[in-house]
Amino acid sequence: MIAGPTAAKAMRAVVIAISGMNNAAVARSVRSALALIRGVQDVEVRPQSAEAHVRFDPELVDDWQLCRAVQAVGCRGELRT
């Protein structure tokens, strides 16, 4: 089968461990920073486990950009493997 223009893009999902996310305001800032990146489809920030679950288009976004957005709000982001 040949993929045409209406074919769904393959999305990638990652979990980012976040240190420094110590309150709800910081969690909202992390979520906003990630959601503003072009190509990010969905973001779920979990303050209790200090992580963010992100689904994105790997043709538009790479892992480094996601971690950089977390750093921009004063936290440290590291991909979980």
C-alpha atoms as a PDB file:
ATOM      1  CA  MET A   1       0.000   0.000   0.000  1.00  0.00           C
ATOM      2  CA  ILE A   2       1.328   3.442  -0.921  1.00  0.00           C
ATOM      3  CA  ALA A   3       0.936   6.211   1.611  1.00  0.00           C
ATOM      4  CA  GLY A   4      -0.848   9.200   0.175  1.00  0.00           C
ATOM      5  CA  PRO A   5      -1.305  12.725   1.453  1.00  0.00           C
ATOM      6  CA  THR A   6      -4.087  11.618   3.779  1.00  0.00           C
ATOM      7  CA  ALA A   7      -1.981   8.924   5.463  1.00  0.00           C
ATOM      8  CA  ALA A   8      -1.562   9.424   9.204  1.00  0.00           C
ATOM      9  CA  LYS A   9       1.855  10.552  10.339  1.00  0.00           C
ATOM     10  CA  ALA A  10       3.791   8.309  12.677  1.00  0.00           C
ATOM     11  CA  MET A  11       3.884   9.979  16.059  1.00  0.00           C
ATOM     12  CA  ARG A  12       6.479   9.277  18.710  1.00  0.00           C
ATOM     13  CA  ALA A  13       5.858   9.153  22.456  1.00  0.00           C
ATOM     14  CA  VAL A  14       8.469   9.766  25.154  1.00  0.00           C
ATOM     15  CA  VAL A  15       8.596  10.160  28.906  1.00  0.00           C
ATOM     16  CA  ILE A  16      10.732  12.970  30.267  1.00  0.00           C
ATOM     17  CA  ALA A  17      11.944  12.772  33.871  1.00  0.00           C
ATOM     18  CA  ILE A  18      11.814  16.283  35.313  1.00  0.00           C
ATOM     19  CA  SER A  19      13.786  17.483  38.301  1.00  0.00           C
ATOM     20  CA  GLY A  20      12.922  20.816  39.884  1.00  0.00           C
ATOM     21  CA  MET A  21       9.181  20.557  39.251  1.00  0.00           C
ATOM     22  CA  ASN A  22       8.230  21.201  42.859  1.00  0.00           C
ATOM     23  CA  ASN A  23       4.780  22.796  42.635  1.00  0.00           C
ATOM     24  CA  ALA A  24       1.683  23.103  40.458  1.00  0.00           C
ATOM     25  CA  ALA A  25       2.760  26.425  38.941  1.00  0.00           C
ATOM     26  CA  VAL A  26       6.014  24.917  37.683  1.00  0.00           C
ATOM     27  CA  ALA A  27       4.126  21.894  36.322  1.00  0.00           C
ATOM     28  CA  ARG A  28       1.841  24.253  34.368  1.00  0.00           C
ATOM     29  CA  SER A  29       4.884  26.119  33.025  1.00  0.00           C
ATOM     30  CA  VAL A  30       6.480  22.842  31.900  1.00  0.00           C
ATOM     31  CA  ARG A  31       3.262  21.765  30.202  1.00  0.00           C
ATOM     32  CA  SER A  32       2.880  25.119  28.434  1.00  0.00           C
ATOM     33  CA  ALA A  33       6.511  25.165  27.275  1.00  0.00           C
ATOM     34  CA  LEU A  34       6.202  21.684  25.762  1.00  0.00           C
ATOM     35  CA  ALA A  35       2.765  22.306  24.232  1.00  0.00           C
ATOM     36  CA  LEU A  36       4.003  25.430  22.421  1.00  0.00           C
ATOM     37  CA  ILE A  37       6.550  23.477  20.404  1.00  0.00           C
ATOM     38  CA  ARG A  38       5.441  23.047  16.796  1.00  0.00           C
ATOM     39  CA  GLY A  39       4.828  19.339  16.218  1.00  0.00           C
ATOM     40  CA  VAL A  40       3.907  18.425  19.788  1.00  0.00           C
ATOM     41  CA  GLN A  41       0.544  16.686  19.687  1.00  0.00           C
ATOM     42  CA  ASP A  42      -0.148  15.953  23.351  1.00  0.00           C
ATOM     43  CA  VAL A  43       1.455  16.674  26.739  1.00  0.00           C
ATOM     44  CA  GLU A  44       0.568  15.191  30.110  1.00  0.00           C
ATOM     45  CA  VAL A  45       2.600  16.434  33.060  1.00  0.00           C
ATOM     46  CA  ARG A  46       2.547  14.315  36.219  1.00  0.00           C
ATOM     47  CA  PRO A  47       3.963  16.261  39.175  1.00  0.00           C
ATOM     48  CA  GLN A  48       3.597  13.299  41.562  1.00  0.00           C
ATOM     49  CA  SER A  49       5.992  11.167  39.527  1.00  0.00           C
ATOM     50  CA  ALA A  50       8.018  14.174  38.263  1.00  0.00           C
ATOM     51  CA  GLU A  51       7.567  13.299  34.608  1.00  0.00           C
ATOM     52  CA  ALA A  52       5.973  14.484  31.397  1.00  0.00           C
ATOM     53  CA  HIS A  53       4.471  12.201  28.747  1.00  0.00           C
ATOM     54  CA  VAL A  54       4.796  13.805  25.332  1.00  0.00           C
ATOM     55  CA  ARG A  55       3.496  12.690  21.940  1.00  0.00           C
ATOM     56  CA  PHE A  56       4.971  14.470  18.926  1.00  0.00           C
ATOM     57  CA  ASP A  57       5.804  14.355  15.237  1.00  0.00           C
ATOM     58  CA  PRO A  58       9.493  13.332  14.995  1.00  0.00           C
ATOM     59  CA  GLU A  59       9.755  15.042  11.610  1.00  0.00           C
ATOM     60  CA  LEU A  60       9.159  18.399  13.319  1.00  0.00           C
ATOM     61  CA  VAL A  61      10.541  17.908  16.838  1.00  0.00           C
ATOM     62  CA  ASP A  62      13.480  16.063  18.317  1.00  0.00           C
ATOM     63  CA  ASP A  63      14.256  14.919  21.864  1.00  0.00           C
ATOM     64  CA  TRP A  64      16.722  17.741  22.413  1.00  0.00           C
ATOM     65  CA  GLN A  65      14.049  20.380  21.747  1.00  0.00           C
ATOM     66  CA  LEU A  66      11.758  18.817  24.338  1.00  0.00           C
ATOM     67  CA  CYS A  67      14.436  18.746  27.038  1.00  0.00           C
ATOM     68  CA  ARG A  68      15.481  22.284  26.123  1.00  0.00           C
ATOM     69  CA  ALA A  69      11.904  23.531  26.633  1.00  0.00           C
ATOM     70  CA  VAL A  70      11.879  21.979  30.120  1.00  0.00           C
ATOM     71  CA  GLN A  71      15.198  23.685  30.892  1.00  0.00           C
ATOM     72  CA  ALA A  72      13.823  27.020  29.693  1.00  0.00           C
ATOM     73  CA  VAL A  73      11.369  27.064  32.621  1.00  0.00           C
ATOM     74  CA  GLY A  74      14.065  26.285  35.174  1.00  0.00           C
ATOM     75  CA  CYS A  75      13.836  22.523  35.449  1.00  0.00           C
ATOM     76  CA  ARG A  76      16.013  19.688  34.204  1.00  0.00           C
ATOM     77  CA  GLY A  77      14.567  17.254  31.681  1.00  0.00           C
ATOM     78  CA  GLU A  78      16.000  13.861  30.836  1.00  0.00           C
ATOM     79  CA  LEU A  79      14.485  11.226  28.576  1.00  0.00           C
ATOM     80  CA  ARG A  80      13.621   7.970  30.294  1.00  0.00           C
ATOM     81  CA  THR A  81      14.715   4.816  28.511  1.00  0.00           C
END
